[in-house]
Amino acid sequence: MALVVVVSGLLLGAGPASAANPDGAALFQAHCAGCHVNGGNIIRRGRTLKMKALERQGITSPEAIATIAAEGVGQMGGYGQVLGTGGAERVGLYVWQQALRGWPAQ
């Protein structure tokens, strides 16, 4: 019977990527992708999330991205409250990983 509970918990999405604690990719899709489709930027073309643009602006870590996601920068407002506890950090890590990979199409 314990196995059924564990399996059903996994199927219902319990764990780090559940609705109560979405992963960085889910948070990015829900709150960032509208302007940053595949790491681009539909509002300011030079302010993308591509590695070259990040480096040009001195953004060299997932933590730096998380700070921007939480607090905002320039015309972009902060999303700290919307992303929830630890959400900015998960988004920062996701964006960093995608930038390292060259933002593959999704």
N, C-alpha and C. Protein backbone atom coordinates (compact mmCIF):
# COMPACT_ATOMS: atom_id res chain seq x y z
N MET A 1 0.82 -1.19 0.00
CA MET A 1 0.00 0.00 0.00
C MET A 1 0.87 1.26 0.00
N ALA A 2 2.01 1.24 0.67
CA ALA A 2 2.91 2.39 0.69
C ALA A 2 3.41 2.71 -0.71
N LEU A 3 3.63 1.68 -1.51
CA LEU A 3 4.09 1.88 -2.88
C LEU A 3 3.07 2.67 -3.69
N VAL A 4 1.81 2.38 -3.49
CA VAL A 4 0.75 3.09 -4.20
C VAL A 4 0.77 4.57 -3.84
N VAL A 5 0.97 4.88 -2.58
CA VAL A 5 1.01 6.27 -2.14
C VAL A 5 2.20 6.99 -2.77
N VAL A 6 3.36 6.36 -2.76
CA VAL A 6 4.55 6.96 -3.34
C VAL A 6 4.36 7.17 -4.84
N VAL A 7 3.88 6.16 -5.53
CA VAL A 7 3.69 6.26 -6.97
C VAL A 7 2.64 7.32 -7.29
N SER A 8 1.53 7.34 -6.55
CA SER A 8 0.51 8.33 -6.84
C SER A 8 1.02 9.73 -6.53
N GLY A 9 1.87 9.88 -5.51
CA GLY A 9 2.47 11.18 -5.22
C GLY A 9 3.33 11.64 -6.37
N LEU A 10 4.09 10.74 -6.97
CA LEU A 10 4.92 11.10 -8.11
C LEU A 10 4.07 11.49 -9.30
N LEU A 11 3.00 10.76 -9.53
CA LEU A 11 2.13 11.04 -10.66
C LEU A 11 1.40 12.37 -10.49
N LEU A 12 1.12 12.74 -9.25
CA LEU A 12 0.41 13.98 -9.00
C LEU A 12 1.34 15.19 -8.98
N GLY A 13 2.62 14.94 -9.12
CA GLY A 13 3.54 16.06 -9.20
C GLY A 13 4.15 16.46 -7.88
N ALA A 14 4.14 15.61 -6.89
CA ALA A 14 4.77 15.94 -5.62
C ALA A 14 6.27 16.05 -5.84
N GLY A 15 6.91 16.90 -5.09
CA GLY A 15 8.35 17.04 -5.21
C GLY A 15 8.73 18.39 -5.75
N PRO A 16 10.00 18.56 -6.13
CA PRO A 16 10.52 19.87 -6.47
C PRO A 16 9.85 20.55 -7.65
N ALA A 17 9.26 19.83 -8.56
CA ALA A 17 8.66 20.46 -9.73
C ALA A 17 7.14 20.50 -9.63
N SER A 18 6.60 20.38 -8.44
CA SER A 18 5.15 20.40 -8.28
C SER A 18 4.61 21.82 -8.44
N ALA A 19 3.31 21.95 -8.48
CA ALA A 19 2.69 23.27 -8.62
C ALA A 19 3.04 24.17 -7.44
N ALA A 20 3.24 23.59 -6.26
CA ALA A 20 3.60 24.38 -5.09
C ALA A 20 5.06 24.83 -5.15
N ASN A 21 5.88 24.15 -5.93
CA ASN A 21 7.30 24.46 -6.01
C ASN A 21 7.78 24.20 -7.44
N PRO A 22 7.33 25.01 -8.41
CA PRO A 22 7.68 24.74 -9.81
C PRO A 22 9.17 24.90 -10.07
N ASP A 23 9.65 24.16 -11.05
CA ASP A 23 11.07 24.27 -11.39
C ASP A 23 11.32 25.54 -12.20
N GLY A 24 12.60 25.82 -12.44
CA GLY A 24 12.97 27.05 -13.14
C GLY A 24 12.38 27.15 -14.53
N ALA A 25 12.32 26.03 -15.24
CA ALA A 25 11.76 26.04 -16.59
C ALA A 25 10.28 26.43 -16.56
N ALA A 26 9.54 25.87 -15.63
CA ALA A 26 8.11 26.19 -15.52
C ALA A 26 7.91 27.65 -15.14
N LEU A 27 8.71 28.14 -14.20
CA LEU A 27 8.60 29.55 -13.80
C LEU A 27 8.96 30.46 -14.97
N PHE A 28 10.01 30.11 -15.70
CA PHE A 28 10.41 30.91 -16.85
C PHE A 28 9.29 30.95 -17.88
N GLN A 29 8.71 29.80 -18.18
CA GLN A 29 7.63 29.76 -19.17
C GLN A 29 6.43 30.58 -18.73
N ALA A 30 6.13 30.54 -17.43
CA ALA A 30 4.96 31.25 -16.92
C ALA A 30 5.16 32.75 -16.80
N HIS A 31 6.38 33.20 -16.49
CA HIS A 31 6.57 34.60 -16.14
C HIS A 31 7.59 35.36 -16.97
N CYS A 32 8.41 34.68 -17.74
CA CYS A 32 9.51 35.35 -18.45
C CYS A 32 9.44 35.19 -19.97
N ALA A 33 8.95 34.05 -20.42
CA ALA A 33 9.00 33.72 -21.85
C ALA A 33 8.19 34.68 -22.72
N GLY A 34 7.23 35.38 -22.15
CA GLY A 34 6.46 36.34 -22.93
C GLY A 34 7.34 37.40 -23.57
N CYS A 35 8.37 37.82 -22.87
CA CYS A 35 9.32 38.80 -23.40
C CYS A 35 10.64 38.17 -23.84
N HIS A 36 10.99 37.04 -23.24
CA HIS A 36 12.29 36.40 -23.49
C HIS A 36 12.15 35.04 -24.17
N VAL A 37 11.40 35.00 -25.24
CA VAL A 37 11.19 33.76 -25.99
C VAL A 37 12.54 33.19 -26.43
N ASN A 38 12.80 31.93 -26.06
CA ASN A 38 14.07 31.25 -26.41
C ASN A 38 15.30 32.10 -26.10
N GLY A 39 15.24 32.86 -25.01
CA GLY A 39 16.38 33.65 -24.59
C GLY A 39 16.52 35.00 -25.28
N GLY A 40 15.58 35.33 -26.14
CA GLY A 40 15.63 36.62 -26.82
C GLY A 40 15.04 37.71 -25.96
N ASN A 41 14.67 38.81 -26.58
CA ASN A 41 14.01 39.91 -25.88
C ASN A 41 13.19 40.66 -26.92
N ILE A 42 11.87 40.60 -26.80
CA ILE A 42 11.01 41.23 -27.79
C ILE A 42 10.89 42.73 -27.59
N ILE A 43 11.35 43.24 -26.43
CA ILE A 43 11.23 44.67 -26.15
C ILE A 43 12.53 45.41 -26.46
N ARG A 44 13.65 44.85 -26.01
CA ARG A 44 14.97 45.46 -26.27
C ARG A 44 15.88 44.39 -26.84
N ARG A 45 16.10 44.43 -28.13
CA ARG A 45 16.81 43.35 -28.83
C ARG A 45 18.19 43.06 -28.27
N GLY A 46 18.91 44.04 -27.80
CA GLY A 46 20.26 43.82 -27.28
C GLY A 46 20.30 43.25 -25.88
N ARG A 47 19.18 43.23 -25.18
CA ARG A 47 19.12 42.76 -23.79
C ARG A 47 18.58 41.34 -23.74
N THR A 48 19.23 40.46 -24.45
CA THR A 48 18.78 39.07 -24.49
C THR A 48 19.38 38.29 -23.32
N LEU A 49 19.01 37.04 -23.25
CA LEU A 49 19.54 36.12 -22.24
C LEU A 49 20.55 35.16 -22.86
N LYS A 50 21.07 35.53 -24.01
CA LYS A 50 22.12 34.75 -24.67
C LYS A 50 23.44 35.04 -23.97
N MET A 51 24.35 34.07 -23.96
CA MET A 51 25.59 34.21 -23.20
C MET A 51 26.38 35.44 -23.60
N LYS A 52 26.49 35.72 -24.88
CA LYS A 52 27.26 36.87 -25.33
C LYS A 52 26.70 38.18 -24.75
N ALA A 53 25.39 38.32 -24.75
CA ALA A 53 24.76 39.53 -24.21
C ALA A 53 24.90 39.59 -22.69
N LEU A 54 24.76 38.45 -22.03
CA LEU A 54 24.93 38.42 -20.57
C LEU A 54 26.35 38.85 -20.20
N GLU A 55 27.33 38.28 -20.87
CA GLU A 55 28.73 38.61 -20.58
C GLU A 55 29.01 40.09 -20.85
N ARG A 56 28.47 40.61 -21.93
CA ARG A 56 28.67 42.02 -22.29
C ARG A 56 28.16 42.94 -21.18
N GLN A 57 27.14 42.49 -20.46
CA GLN A 57 26.57 43.30 -19.38
C GLN A 57 27.13 42.93 -18.01
N GLY A 58 28.14 42.05 -17.97
CA GLY A 58 28.76 41.67 -16.71
C GLY A 58 27.94 40.70 -15.87
N ILE A 59 27.01 40.02 -16.51
CA ILE A 59 26.17 39.03 -15.83
C ILE A 59 26.84 37.68 -16.04
N THR A 60 27.50 37.19 -14.99
CA THR A 60 28.38 36.03 -15.16
C THR A 60 28.05 34.86 -14.24
N SER A 61 26.83 34.80 -13.75
CA SER A 61 26.48 33.69 -12.86
C SER A 61 24.96 33.55 -12.75
N PRO A 62 24.51 32.38 -12.33
CA PRO A 62 23.07 32.20 -12.09
C PRO A 62 22.58 33.13 -10.99
N GLU A 63 23.43 33.42 -10.02
CA GLU A 63 23.04 34.30 -8.91
C GLU A 63 22.78 35.72 -9.41
N ALA A 64 23.58 36.19 -10.35
CA ALA A 64 23.37 37.52 -10.92
C ALA A 64 22.04 37.57 -11.66
N ILE A 65 21.73 36.52 -12.37
CA ILE A 65 20.45 36.45 -13.10
C ILE A 65 19.30 36.41 -12.10
N ALA A 66 19.45 35.65 -11.03
CA ALA A 66 18.42 35.55 -10.00
C ALA A 66 18.14 36.92 -9.38
N THR A 67 19.18 37.70 -9.14
CA THR A 67 19.01 39.04 -8.57
C THR A 67 18.21 39.92 -9.51
N ILE A 68 18.52 39.85 -10.78
CA ILE A 68 17.76 40.63 -11.77
C ILE A 68 16.32 40.16 -11.85
N ALA A 69 16.11 38.84 -11.85
CA ALA A 69 14.74 38.31 -11.89
C ALA A 69 13.94 38.79 -10.69
N ALA A 70 14.56 38.82 -9.53
CA ALA A 70 13.86 39.21 -8.30
C ALA A 70 13.66 40.71 -8.19
N GLU A 71 14.70 41.49 -8.52
CA GLU A 71 14.67 42.93 -8.26
C GLU A 71 14.40 43.78 -9.50
N GLY A 72 14.66 43.21 -10.69
CA GLY A 72 14.50 43.95 -11.92
C GLY A 72 15.75 44.73 -12.26
N VAL A 73 15.78 45.28 -13.47
CA VAL A 73 16.88 46.12 -13.94
C VAL A 73 16.37 46.94 -15.12
N GLY A 74 16.78 48.20 -15.19
CA GLY A 74 16.34 49.05 -16.30
C GLY A 74 14.82 49.11 -16.41
N GLN A 75 14.31 48.83 -17.60
CA GLN A 75 12.86 48.87 -17.83
C GLN A 75 12.13 47.65 -17.27
N MET A 76 12.88 46.60 -16.93
CA MET A 76 12.25 45.38 -16.43
C MET A 76 12.04 45.47 -14.92
N GLY A 77 10.81 45.30 -14.51
CA GLY A 77 10.51 45.29 -13.08
C GLY A 77 10.91 43.97 -12.45
N GLY A 78 10.97 43.93 -11.15
CA GLY A 78 11.31 42.72 -10.42
C GLY A 78 10.12 41.77 -10.28
N TYR A 79 10.42 40.49 -10.25
CA TYR A 79 9.39 39.47 -10.16
C TYR A 79 9.55 38.61 -8.92
N GLY A 80 10.28 39.10 -7.92
CA GLY A 80 10.57 38.32 -6.72
C GLY A 80 9.33 37.75 -6.06
N GLN A 81 8.31 38.58 -5.85
CA GLN A 81 7.09 38.11 -5.20
C GLN A 81 6.33 37.11 -6.07
N VAL A 82 6.29 37.37 -7.35
CA VAL A 82 5.56 36.49 -8.27
C VAL A 82 6.23 35.12 -8.35
N LEU A 83 7.57 35.11 -8.37
CA LEU A 83 8.31 33.85 -8.50
C LEU A 83 8.29 33.05 -7.20
N GLY A 84 8.05 33.69 -6.08
CA GLY A 84 7.94 32.99 -4.81
C GLY A 84 9.30 32.66 -4.20
N THR A 85 9.26 32.08 -3.03
CA THR A 85 10.47 31.73 -2.30
C THR A 85 11.34 30.79 -3.11
N GLY A 86 12.56 31.19 -3.37
CA GLY A 86 13.49 30.37 -4.14
C GLY A 86 13.25 30.38 -5.64
N GLY A 87 12.18 31.00 -6.09
CA GLY A 87 11.84 31.00 -7.51
C GLY A 87 12.85 31.74 -8.37
N ALA A 88 13.31 32.88 -7.90
CA ALA A 88 14.28 33.65 -8.68
C ALA A 88 15.56 32.84 -8.86
N GLU A 89 15.96 32.12 -7.83
CA GLU A 89 17.16 31.29 -7.92
C GLU A 89 16.98 30.16 -8.92
N ARG A 90 15.80 29.55 -8.92
CA ARG A 90 15.54 28.47 -9.89
C ARG A 90 15.51 29.02 -11.32
N VAL A 91 14.91 30.19 -11.51
CA VAL A 91 14.90 30.82 -12.83
C VAL A 91 16.32 31.19 -13.24
N GLY A 92 17.09 31.74 -12.31
CA GLY A 92 18.47 32.12 -12.61
C GLY A 92 19.29 30.94 -13.08
N LEU A 93 19.15 29.81 -12.40
CA LEU A 93 19.88 28.61 -12.78
C LEU A 93 19.41 28.09 -14.14
N TYR A 94 18.11 28.10 -14.37
CA TYR A 94 17.57 27.64 -15.65
C TYR A 94 18.09 28.52 -16.79
N VAL A 95 18.02 29.84 -16.62
CA VAL A 95 18.48 30.76 -17.67
C VAL A 95 19.96 30.54 -17.93
N TRP A 96 20.75 30.41 -16.87
CA TRP A 96 22.19 30.20 -17.02
C TRP A 96 22.48 28.93 -17.80
N GLN A 97 21.79 27.85 -17.44
CA GLN A 97 22.00 26.58 -18.14
C GLN A 97 21.62 26.69 -19.61
N GLN A 98 20.52 27.37 -19.90
CA GLN A 98 20.10 27.54 -21.29
C GLN A 98 21.10 28.40 -22.06
N ALA A 99 21.60 29.45 -21.42
CA ALA A 99 22.58 30.32 -22.07
C ALA A 99 23.85 29.53 -22.40
N LEU A 100 24.29 28.69 -21.48
CA LEU A 100 25.47 27.85 -21.73
C LEU A 100 25.25 26.91 -22.91
N ARG A 101 24.01 26.46 -23.08
CA ARG A 101 23.66 25.53 -24.17
C ARG A 101 23.32 26.25 -25.47
N GLY A 102 23.28 27.55 -25.45
CA GLY A 102 22.94 28.30 -26.66
C GLY A 102 21.44 28.40 -26.89
N TRP A 103 20.66 28.27 -25.84
CA TRP A 103 19.20 28.37 -25.93
C TRP A 103 18.62 27.51 -27.06
N PRO A 104 18.64 26.21 -26.89
CA PRO A 104 18.00 25.35 -27.92
C PRO A 104 16.51 25.68 -28.04
N ALA A 105 16.01 25.55 -29.22
CA ALA A 105 14.57 25.79 -29.45
C ALA A 105 13.76 24.83 -28.61
N GLN A 106 12.64 25.31 -28.12
CA GLN A 106 11.79 24.49 -27.25
C GLN A 106 10.45 24.25 -27.86
